[in-house]
Amino acid sequence: MSTETTSTPAMFRRLSFGGGAALLQRLGSVFGLILLLVALSVMSPDFLTAGNLLTVLRQVSINALIAFGMTFVILAGGIDLSVGAILAFTGAITAGVMAAGHGALLAVGAGLGLGLLASSSPWWPCWSPEMHSRCGHSRDQPHASPVI
């Protein structure tokens, strides 16, 4: 007598969630987003208007572009944790120049120029703990990271 086991094809195994707990674990953030959208639209009737959604998309676009770029950096095998520091530095420079009453073109140029200078500096990698040993320091030796 032979026993024959039937198995689910691999394509369908990836789609099965294995119960309510696994479904919640895999799709919990999607459920949370839907719950948040429903709650905010009930609280404010202007939330789901086209103007508000465009404003939200504009505000998120900078972080989305940086996350998209960092995805490719990580997939390529390099991890650069200084991106957030450079973003904060260039944003502060740009805002400071604009607040001083200079034009947007000068402010963006100053932010991009100083950001390029800071990120291409030979000392910039030494500020990150990952690159600390390449700059002639031992891993056990404490170092001071700059606060930008």
N, C-alpha and C. Protein backbone atom coordinates (compact mmCIF):
# COMPACT_ATOMS: atom_id res chain seq x y z
N MET A 1 0.83 -1.16 0.00
CA MET A 1 0.00 0.00 0.00
C MET A 1 0.89 1.24 0.00
N SER A 2 0.66 2.12 -0.92
CA SER A 2 1.50 3.32 -1.00
C SER A 2 0.73 4.51 -0.43
N THR A 3 1.46 5.31 0.27
CA THR A 3 0.85 6.53 0.81
C THR A 3 1.29 7.68 -0.08
N GLU A 4 0.35 8.42 -0.49
CA GLU A 4 0.64 9.55 -1.37
C GLU A 4 0.24 10.82 -0.64
N THR A 5 1.19 11.71 -0.51
CA THR A 5 0.88 12.97 0.16
C THR A 5 0.69 14.05 -0.90
N THR A 6 -0.28 14.82 -0.69
CA THR A 6 -0.49 15.93 -1.60
C THR A 6 0.03 17.19 -0.94
N SER A 7 0.77 17.92 -1.67
CA SER A 7 1.30 19.16 -1.12
C SER A 7 0.78 20.33 -1.94
N THR A 8 0.69 21.44 -1.29
CA THR A 8 0.22 22.65 -1.93
C THR A 8 1.35 23.18 -2.81
N PRO A 9 1.06 23.59 -4.03
CA PRO A 9 2.10 24.17 -4.87
C PRO A 9 2.74 25.37 -4.20
N ALA A 10 4.00 25.60 -4.53
CA ALA A 10 4.77 26.67 -3.89
C ALA A 10 4.12 28.03 -4.08
N MET A 11 3.49 28.24 -5.22
CA MET A 11 2.87 29.54 -5.48
C MET A 11 1.76 29.82 -4.46
N PHE A 12 1.00 28.80 -4.09
CA PHE A 12 -0.09 29.00 -3.15
C PHE A 12 0.37 28.96 -1.70
N ARG A 13 1.52 28.31 -1.43
CA ARG A 13 2.04 28.29 -0.07
C ARG A 13 2.45 29.68 0.38
N ARG A 14 2.97 30.48 -0.54
CA ARG A 14 3.37 31.83 -0.17
C ARG A 14 2.16 32.71 0.13
N LEU A 15 1.02 32.39 -0.46
CA LEU A 15 -0.17 33.19 -0.25
C LEU A 15 -0.93 32.82 1.01
N SER A 16 -0.70 31.63 1.54
CA SER A 16 -1.43 31.23 2.74
C SER A 16 -0.81 31.91 3.95
N PHE A 17 -1.65 32.33 4.87
CA PHE A 17 -1.18 33.07 6.03
C PHE A 17 -1.20 32.23 7.29
N GLY A 18 -1.77 31.05 7.27
CA GLY A 18 -1.70 30.14 8.38
C GLY A 18 -2.52 30.53 9.59
N GLY A 19 -3.59 31.23 9.44
CA GLY A 19 -4.45 31.56 10.58
C GLY A 19 -4.49 33.04 10.85
N GLY A 20 -5.33 33.40 11.82
CA GLY A 20 -5.56 34.80 12.14
C GLY A 20 -4.35 35.51 12.72
N ALA A 21 -3.60 34.83 13.57
CA ALA A 21 -2.44 35.46 14.19
C ALA A 21 -1.36 35.76 13.16
N ALA A 22 -1.13 34.82 12.26
CA ALA A 22 -0.12 35.04 11.22
C ALA A 22 -0.57 36.12 10.25
N LEU A 23 -1.88 36.13 9.95
CA LEU A 23 -2.41 37.17 9.07
C LEU A 23 -2.23 38.54 9.69
N LEU A 24 -2.52 38.66 10.97
CA LEU A 24 -2.36 39.94 11.66
C LEU A 24 -0.89 40.34 11.73
N GLN A 25 0.00 39.36 11.90
CA GLN A 25 1.42 39.66 11.96
C GLN A 25 1.93 40.16 10.62
N ARG A 26 1.48 39.54 9.53
CA ARG A 26 1.96 39.94 8.21
C ARG A 26 1.31 41.21 7.70
N LEU A 27 0.05 41.40 7.99
CA LEU A 27 -0.68 42.54 7.44
C LEU A 27 -1.13 43.53 8.50
N GLY A 28 -0.54 43.47 9.67
CA GLY A 28 -0.94 44.35 10.76
C GLY A 28 -0.75 45.82 10.44
N SER A 29 0.34 46.16 9.77
CA SER A 29 0.57 47.57 9.44
C SER A 29 -0.44 48.07 8.41
N VAL A 30 -0.86 47.20 7.49
CA VAL A 30 -1.88 47.60 6.51
C VAL A 30 -3.22 47.82 7.22
N PHE A 31 -3.57 46.91 8.14
CA PHE A 31 -4.80 47.09 8.91
C PHE A 31 -4.74 48.36 9.74
N GLY A 32 -3.57 48.64 10.33
CA GLY A 32 -3.41 49.86 11.11
C GLY A 32 -3.56 51.11 10.26
N LEU A 33 -3.03 51.08 9.04
CA LEU A 33 -3.16 52.22 8.15
C LEU A 33 -4.62 52.44 7.75
N ILE A 34 -5.32 51.36 7.45
CA ILE A 34 -6.74 51.47 7.10
C ILE A 34 -7.54 52.01 8.28
N LEU A 35 -7.26 51.51 9.48
CA LEU A 35 -7.94 51.99 10.68
C LEU A 35 -7.66 53.47 10.91
N LEU A 36 -6.42 53.89 10.69
CA LEU A 36 -6.06 55.29 10.85
C LEU A 36 -6.75 56.17 9.82
N LEU A 37 -6.82 55.72 8.58
CA LEU A 37 -7.53 56.48 7.55
C LEU A 37 -9.01 56.64 7.87
N VAL A 38 -9.65 55.56 8.33
CA VAL A 38 -11.06 55.63 8.69
C VAL A 38 -11.27 56.58 9.87
N ALA A 39 -10.43 56.46 10.90
CA ALA A 39 -10.58 57.31 12.09
C ALA A 39 -10.37 58.78 11.75
N LEU A 40 -9.36 59.09 10.94
CA LEU A 40 -9.10 60.48 10.60
C LEU A 40 -10.17 61.06 9.68
N SER A 41 -10.72 60.22 8.80
CA SER A 41 -11.78 60.73 7.93
C SER A 41 -13.08 60.95 8.69
N VAL A 42 -13.32 60.20 9.76
CA VAL A 42 -14.50 60.42 10.59
C VAL A 42 -14.31 61.68 11.44
N MET A 43 -13.10 61.88 11.95
CA MET A 43 -12.83 63.03 12.80
C MET A 43 -12.82 64.35 12.03
N SER A 44 -12.35 64.30 10.79
CA SER A 44 -12.29 65.53 9.99
C SER A 44 -12.84 65.25 8.61
N PRO A 45 -13.90 65.92 8.23
CA PRO A 45 -14.48 65.67 6.91
C PRO A 45 -13.57 66.13 5.77
N ASP A 46 -12.60 66.99 6.05
CA ASP A 46 -11.69 67.48 5.02
C ASP A 46 -10.47 66.58 4.82
N PHE A 47 -10.39 65.49 5.57
CA PHE A 47 -9.18 64.66 5.50
C PHE A 47 -9.01 63.98 4.15
N LEU A 48 -10.05 63.41 3.60
CA LEU A 48 -9.93 62.67 2.35
C LEU A 48 -10.19 63.52 1.12
N THR A 49 -10.00 64.83 1.21
CA THR A 49 -10.15 65.69 0.04
C THR A 49 -8.89 65.64 -0.80
N ALA A 50 -9.02 65.97 -2.05
CA ALA A 50 -7.87 65.92 -2.97
C ALA A 50 -6.77 66.87 -2.54
N GLY A 51 -7.14 68.06 -2.09
CA GLY A 51 -6.14 69.04 -1.66
C GLY A 51 -5.33 68.55 -0.47
N ASN A 52 -5.99 67.96 0.50
CA ASN A 52 -5.28 67.47 1.67
C ASN A 52 -4.39 66.27 1.33
N LEU A 53 -4.90 65.37 0.50
CA LEU A 53 -4.09 64.22 0.11
C LEU A 53 -2.86 64.64 -0.68
N LEU A 54 -2.98 65.67 -1.53
CA LEU A 54 -1.81 66.19 -2.25
C LEU A 54 -0.81 66.82 -1.29
N THR A 55 -1.30 67.51 -0.27
CA THR A 55 -0.40 68.09 0.73
C THR A 55 0.36 67.00 1.48
N VAL A 56 -0.34 65.95 1.86
CA VAL A 56 0.31 64.84 2.56
C VAL A 56 1.35 64.18 1.65
N LEU A 57 1.03 63.99 0.38
CA LEU A 57 1.99 63.39 -0.55
C LEU A 57 3.21 64.28 -0.75
N ARG A 58 3.01 65.58 -0.81
CA ARG A 58 4.15 66.50 -0.93
C ARG A 58 5.06 66.42 0.29
N GLN A 59 4.47 66.31 1.48
CA GLN A 59 5.27 66.27 2.69
C GLN A 59 6.03 64.96 2.83
N VAL A 60 5.48 63.89 2.29
CA VAL A 60 6.10 62.58 2.41
C VAL A 60 7.12 62.33 1.30
N SER A 61 7.06 63.11 0.24
CA SER A 61 7.87 62.82 -0.95
C SER A 61 9.37 62.84 -0.67
N ILE A 62 9.85 63.73 0.18
CA ILE A 62 11.28 63.81 0.46
C ILE A 62 11.74 62.54 1.16
N ASN A 63 11.01 62.12 2.18
CA ASN A 63 11.38 60.88 2.88
C ASN A 63 11.27 59.67 1.97
N ALA A 64 10.28 59.68 1.07
CA ALA A 64 10.12 58.55 0.14
C ALA A 64 11.30 58.48 -0.82
N LEU A 65 11.76 59.61 -1.32
CA LEU A 65 12.91 59.60 -2.22
C LEU A 65 14.18 59.12 -1.52
N ILE A 66 14.38 59.55 -0.29
CA ILE A 66 15.56 59.11 0.46
C ILE A 66 15.46 57.62 0.76
N ALA A 67 14.28 57.15 1.14
CA ALA A 67 14.12 55.71 1.41
C ALA A 67 14.32 54.89 0.15
N PHE A 68 13.85 55.39 -0.98
CA PHE A 68 14.02 54.70 -2.26
C PHE A 68 15.51 54.60 -2.61
N GLY A 69 16.24 55.69 -2.44
CA GLY A 69 17.67 55.67 -2.71
C GLY A 69 18.43 54.78 -1.75
N MET A 70 18.06 54.82 -0.47
CA MET A 70 18.75 53.98 0.52
C MET A 70 18.47 52.50 0.28
N THR A 71 17.30 52.17 -0.28
CA THR A 71 17.02 50.78 -0.62
C THR A 71 18.03 50.26 -1.63
N PHE A 72 18.33 51.07 -2.63
CA PHE A 72 19.31 50.66 -3.63
C PHE A 72 20.72 50.59 -3.04
N VAL A 73 21.05 51.50 -2.13
CA VAL A 73 22.37 51.46 -1.49
C VAL A 73 22.52 50.19 -0.68
N ILE A 74 21.50 49.82 0.07
CA ILE A 74 21.56 48.62 0.91
C ILE A 74 21.58 47.37 0.03
N LEU A 75 20.78 47.35 -1.05
CA LEU A 75 20.78 46.20 -1.95
C LEU A 75 22.12 46.03 -2.65
N ALA A 76 22.82 47.13 -2.89
CA ALA A 76 24.12 47.06 -3.54
C ALA A 76 25.22 46.61 -2.58
N GLY A 77 24.90 46.47 -1.31
CA GLY A 77 25.86 45.97 -0.35
C GLY A 77 26.51 47.04 0.50
N GLY A 78 26.20 48.28 0.29
CA GLY A 78 26.77 49.35 1.09
C GLY A 78 25.72 49.91 2.02
N ILE A 79 26.13 50.19 3.23
CA ILE A 79 25.22 50.80 4.19
C ILE A 79 25.85 52.11 4.64
N ASP A 80 25.16 53.18 4.39
CA ASP A 80 25.67 54.49 4.75
C ASP A 80 24.68 55.14 5.70
N LEU A 81 25.03 55.16 6.96
CA LEU A 81 24.12 55.70 7.97
C LEU A 81 24.21 57.21 8.09
N SER A 82 25.10 57.84 7.33
CA SER A 82 25.25 59.28 7.44
C SER A 82 24.24 60.04 6.60
N VAL A 83 23.40 59.35 5.86
CA VAL A 83 22.43 60.02 4.99
C VAL A 83 21.49 60.90 5.81
N GLY A 84 21.01 60.41 6.93
CA GLY A 84 20.12 61.19 7.78
C GLY A 84 20.80 62.43 8.32
N ALA A 85 22.06 62.31 8.71
CA ALA A 85 22.80 63.46 9.23
C ALA A 85 23.03 64.50 8.13
N ILE A 86 23.36 64.04 6.93
CA ILE A 86 23.56 64.97 5.81
C ILE A 86 22.24 65.66 5.46
N LEU A 87 21.14 64.91 5.48
CA LEU A 87 19.84 65.50 5.18
C LEU A 87 19.49 66.58 6.21
N ALA A 88 19.69 66.29 7.48
CA ALA A 88 19.38 67.27 8.52
C ALA A 88 20.29 68.49 8.41
N PHE A 89 21.57 68.26 8.11
CA PHE A 89 22.53 69.35 7.97
C PHE A 89 22.16 70.26 6.80
N THR A 90 21.90 69.69 5.64
CA THR A 90 21.57 70.50 4.48
C THR A 90 20.21 71.18 4.63
N GLY A 91 19.27 70.52 5.28
CA GLY A 91 17.98 71.15 5.53
C GLY A 91 18.10 72.35 6.46
N ALA A 92 18.94 72.22 7.49
CA ALA A 92 19.14 73.34 8.42
C ALA A 92 19.86 74.50 7.74
N ILE A 93 20.84 74.19 6.91
CA ILE A 93 21.55 75.25 6.18
C ILE A 93 20.60 75.97 5.22
N THR A 94 19.84 75.20 4.47
CA THR A 94 18.91 75.79 3.51
C THR A 94 17.87 76.66 4.21
N ALA A 95 17.30 76.17 5.30
CA ALA A 95 16.31 76.94 6.05
C ALA A 95 16.93 78.19 6.67
N GLY A 96 18.14 78.07 7.16
CA GLY A 96 18.81 79.23 7.76
C GLY A 96 19.10 80.32 6.74
N VAL A 97 19.53 79.94 5.54
CA VAL A 97 19.81 80.93 4.50
C VAL A 97 18.51 81.60 4.05
N MET A 98 17.43 80.82 3.92
CA MET A 98 16.15 81.41 3.53
C MET A 98 15.60 82.31 4.63
N ALA A 99 15.78 81.93 5.90
CA ALA A 99 15.30 82.75 7.01
C ALA A 99 16.08 84.06 7.11
N ALA A 100 17.32 84.06 6.62
CA ALA A 100 18.13 85.27 6.65
C ALA A 100 17.71 86.26 5.57
N GLY A 101 16.75 85.85 4.72
CA GLY A 101 16.22 86.76 3.72
C GLY A 101 16.83 86.61 2.34
N HIS A 102 17.64 85.60 2.13
CA HIS A 102 18.22 85.37 0.82
C HIS A 102 17.25 84.57 -0.04
N GLY A 103 17.48 84.55 -1.33
CA GLY A 103 16.58 83.88 -2.25
C GLY A 103 16.66 82.36 -2.15
N ALA A 104 15.66 81.71 -2.73
CA ALA A 104 15.59 80.25 -2.69
C ALA A 104 16.74 79.62 -3.47
N LEU A 105 17.15 80.24 -4.57
CA LEU A 105 18.23 79.68 -5.37
C LEU A 105 19.54 79.65 -4.59
N LEU A 106 19.85 80.73 -3.88
CA LEU A 106 21.05 80.77 -3.05
C LEU A 106 20.95 79.77 -1.90
N ALA A 107 19.77 79.65 -1.30
CA ALA A 107 19.59 78.74 -0.17
C ALA A 107 19.78 77.29 -0.61
N VAL A 108 19.17 76.92 -1.73
CA VAL A 108 19.33 75.55 -2.22
C VAL A 108 20.77 75.30 -2.64
N GLY A 109 21.39 76.27 -3.26
CA GLY A 109 22.81 76.12 -3.64
C GLY A 109 23.71 75.96 -2.44
N ALA A 110 23.46 76.75 -1.39
CA ALA A 110 24.26 76.63 -0.16
C ALA A 110 24.06 75.28 0.49
N GLY A 111 22.82 74.82 0.55
CA GLY A 111 22.54 73.52 1.15
C GLY A 111 23.19 72.39 0.38
N LEU A 112 23.04 72.41 -0.94
CA LEU A 112 23.65 71.36 -1.77
C LEU A 112 25.16 71.42 -1.73
N GLY A 113 25.71 72.62 -1.79
CA GLY A 113 27.17 72.76 -1.77
C GLY A 113 27.78 72.29 -0.46
N LEU A 114 27.23 72.73 0.66
CA LEU A 114 27.77 72.30 1.95
C LEU A 114 27.49 70.82 2.22
N GLY A 115 26.36 70.32 1.73
CA GLY A 115 26.10 68.89 1.86
C GLY A 115 27.10 68.06 1.07
N LEU A 116 27.41 68.50 -0.14
CA LEU A 116 28.40 67.81 -0.95
C LEU A 116 29.78 67.89 -0.32
N LEU A 117 30.12 69.06 0.22
CA LEU A 117 31.40 69.23 0.89
C LEU A 117 31.51 68.33 2.12
N ALA A 118 30.45 68.28 2.92
CA ALA A 118 30.48 67.46 4.14
C ALA A 118 30.53 65.97 3.82
N SER A 119 29.78 65.55 2.81
CA SER A 119 29.76 64.11 2.51
C SER A 119 30.98 63.64 1.75
N SER A 120 31.68 64.54 1.07
CA SER A 120 32.88 64.11 0.35
C SER A 120 34.15 64.41 1.12
N SER A 121 34.01 64.92 2.32
CA SER A 121 35.16 65.22 3.16
C SER A 121 35.89 63.93 3.53
N PRO A 122 37.22 63.94 3.53
CA PRO A 122 37.94 62.73 3.93
C PRO A 122 37.74 62.36 5.39
N TRP A 123 37.28 63.30 6.21
CA TRP A 123 37.06 63.00 7.62
C TRP A 123 35.65 62.53 7.90
N TRP A 124 34.74 62.70 6.97
CA TRP A 124 33.34 62.31 7.20
C TRP A 124 33.21 60.83 7.55
N PRO A 125 33.87 59.88 6.84
CA PRO A 125 33.72 58.47 7.22
C PRO A 125 34.23 58.17 8.62
N CYS A 126 35.20 58.95 9.11
CA CYS A 126 35.75 58.69 10.44
C CYS A 126 34.75 59.01 11.54
N TRP A 127 33.70 59.75 11.21
CA TRP A 127 32.71 60.11 12.21
C TRP A 127 31.75 58.97 12.49
N SER A 128 31.62 58.03 11.57
CA SER A 128 30.68 56.94 11.78
C SER A 128 31.40 55.78 12.47
N PRO A 129 30.75 55.10 13.39
CA PRO A 129 31.39 53.99 14.10
C PRO A 129 31.81 52.86 13.17
N GLU A 130 31.08 52.66 12.05
CA GLU A 130 31.40 51.57 11.14
C GLU A 130 32.75 51.79 10.47
N MET A 131 33.09 53.03 10.18
CA MET A 131 34.32 53.34 9.46
C MET A 131 35.44 53.76 10.40
N HIS A 132 35.19 53.72 11.70
CA HIS A 132 36.14 54.23 12.69
C HIS A 132 37.47 53.50 12.60
N SER A 133 37.46 52.19 12.41
CA SER A 133 38.72 51.44 12.37
C SER A 133 39.52 51.73 11.12
N ARG A 134 38.88 52.13 10.02
CA ARG A 134 39.60 52.45 8.79
C ARG A 134 40.37 53.76 8.89
N CYS A 135 40.06 54.55 9.89
CA CYS A 135 40.72 55.84 10.05
C CYS A 135 41.87 55.75 11.05
N GLY A 136 42.28 54.56 11.38
CA GLY A 136 43.43 54.38 12.25
C GLY A 136 43.10 54.25 13.72
N HIS A 137 41.86 54.05 14.08
CA HIS A 137 41.47 53.90 15.48
C HIS A 137 41.08 52.45 15.73
N SER A 138 41.33 51.99 16.94
CA SER A 138 40.92 50.64 17.27
C SER A 138 39.42 50.64 17.57
N ARG A 139 38.82 49.46 17.47
CA ARG A 139 37.38 49.36 17.72
C ARG A 139 37.05 49.65 19.19
N ASP A 140 37.99 49.37 20.09
CA ASP A 140 37.74 49.57 21.51
C ASP A 140 37.91 51.02 21.94
N GLN A 141 38.58 51.80 21.13
CA GLN A 141 38.85 53.19 21.49
C GLN A 141 37.61 54.04 21.26
N PRO A 142 37.14 54.73 22.27
CA PRO A 142 35.96 55.58 22.08
C PRO A 142 36.29 56.75 21.17
N HIS A 143 35.30 57.24 20.47
CA HIS A 143 35.49 58.38 19.59
C HIS A 143 34.31 59.32 19.74
N ALA A 144 34.55 60.54 19.36
CA ALA A 144 33.49 61.54 19.46
C ALA A 144 32.85 61.71 18.09
N SER A 145 31.57 61.45 18.03
CA SER A 145 30.83 61.68 16.80
C SER A 145 30.31 63.10 16.83
N PRO A 146 30.32 63.76 15.69
CA PRO A 146 29.84 65.15 15.68
C PRO A 146 28.33 65.21 15.83
N VAL A 147 27.89 66.25 16.43
CA VAL A 147 26.46 66.49 16.54
C VAL A 147 26.14 67.62 15.57
N ILE A 148 25.38 67.29 14.55
CA ILE A 148 25.08 68.29 13.53
C ILE A 148 23.70 68.83 13.78
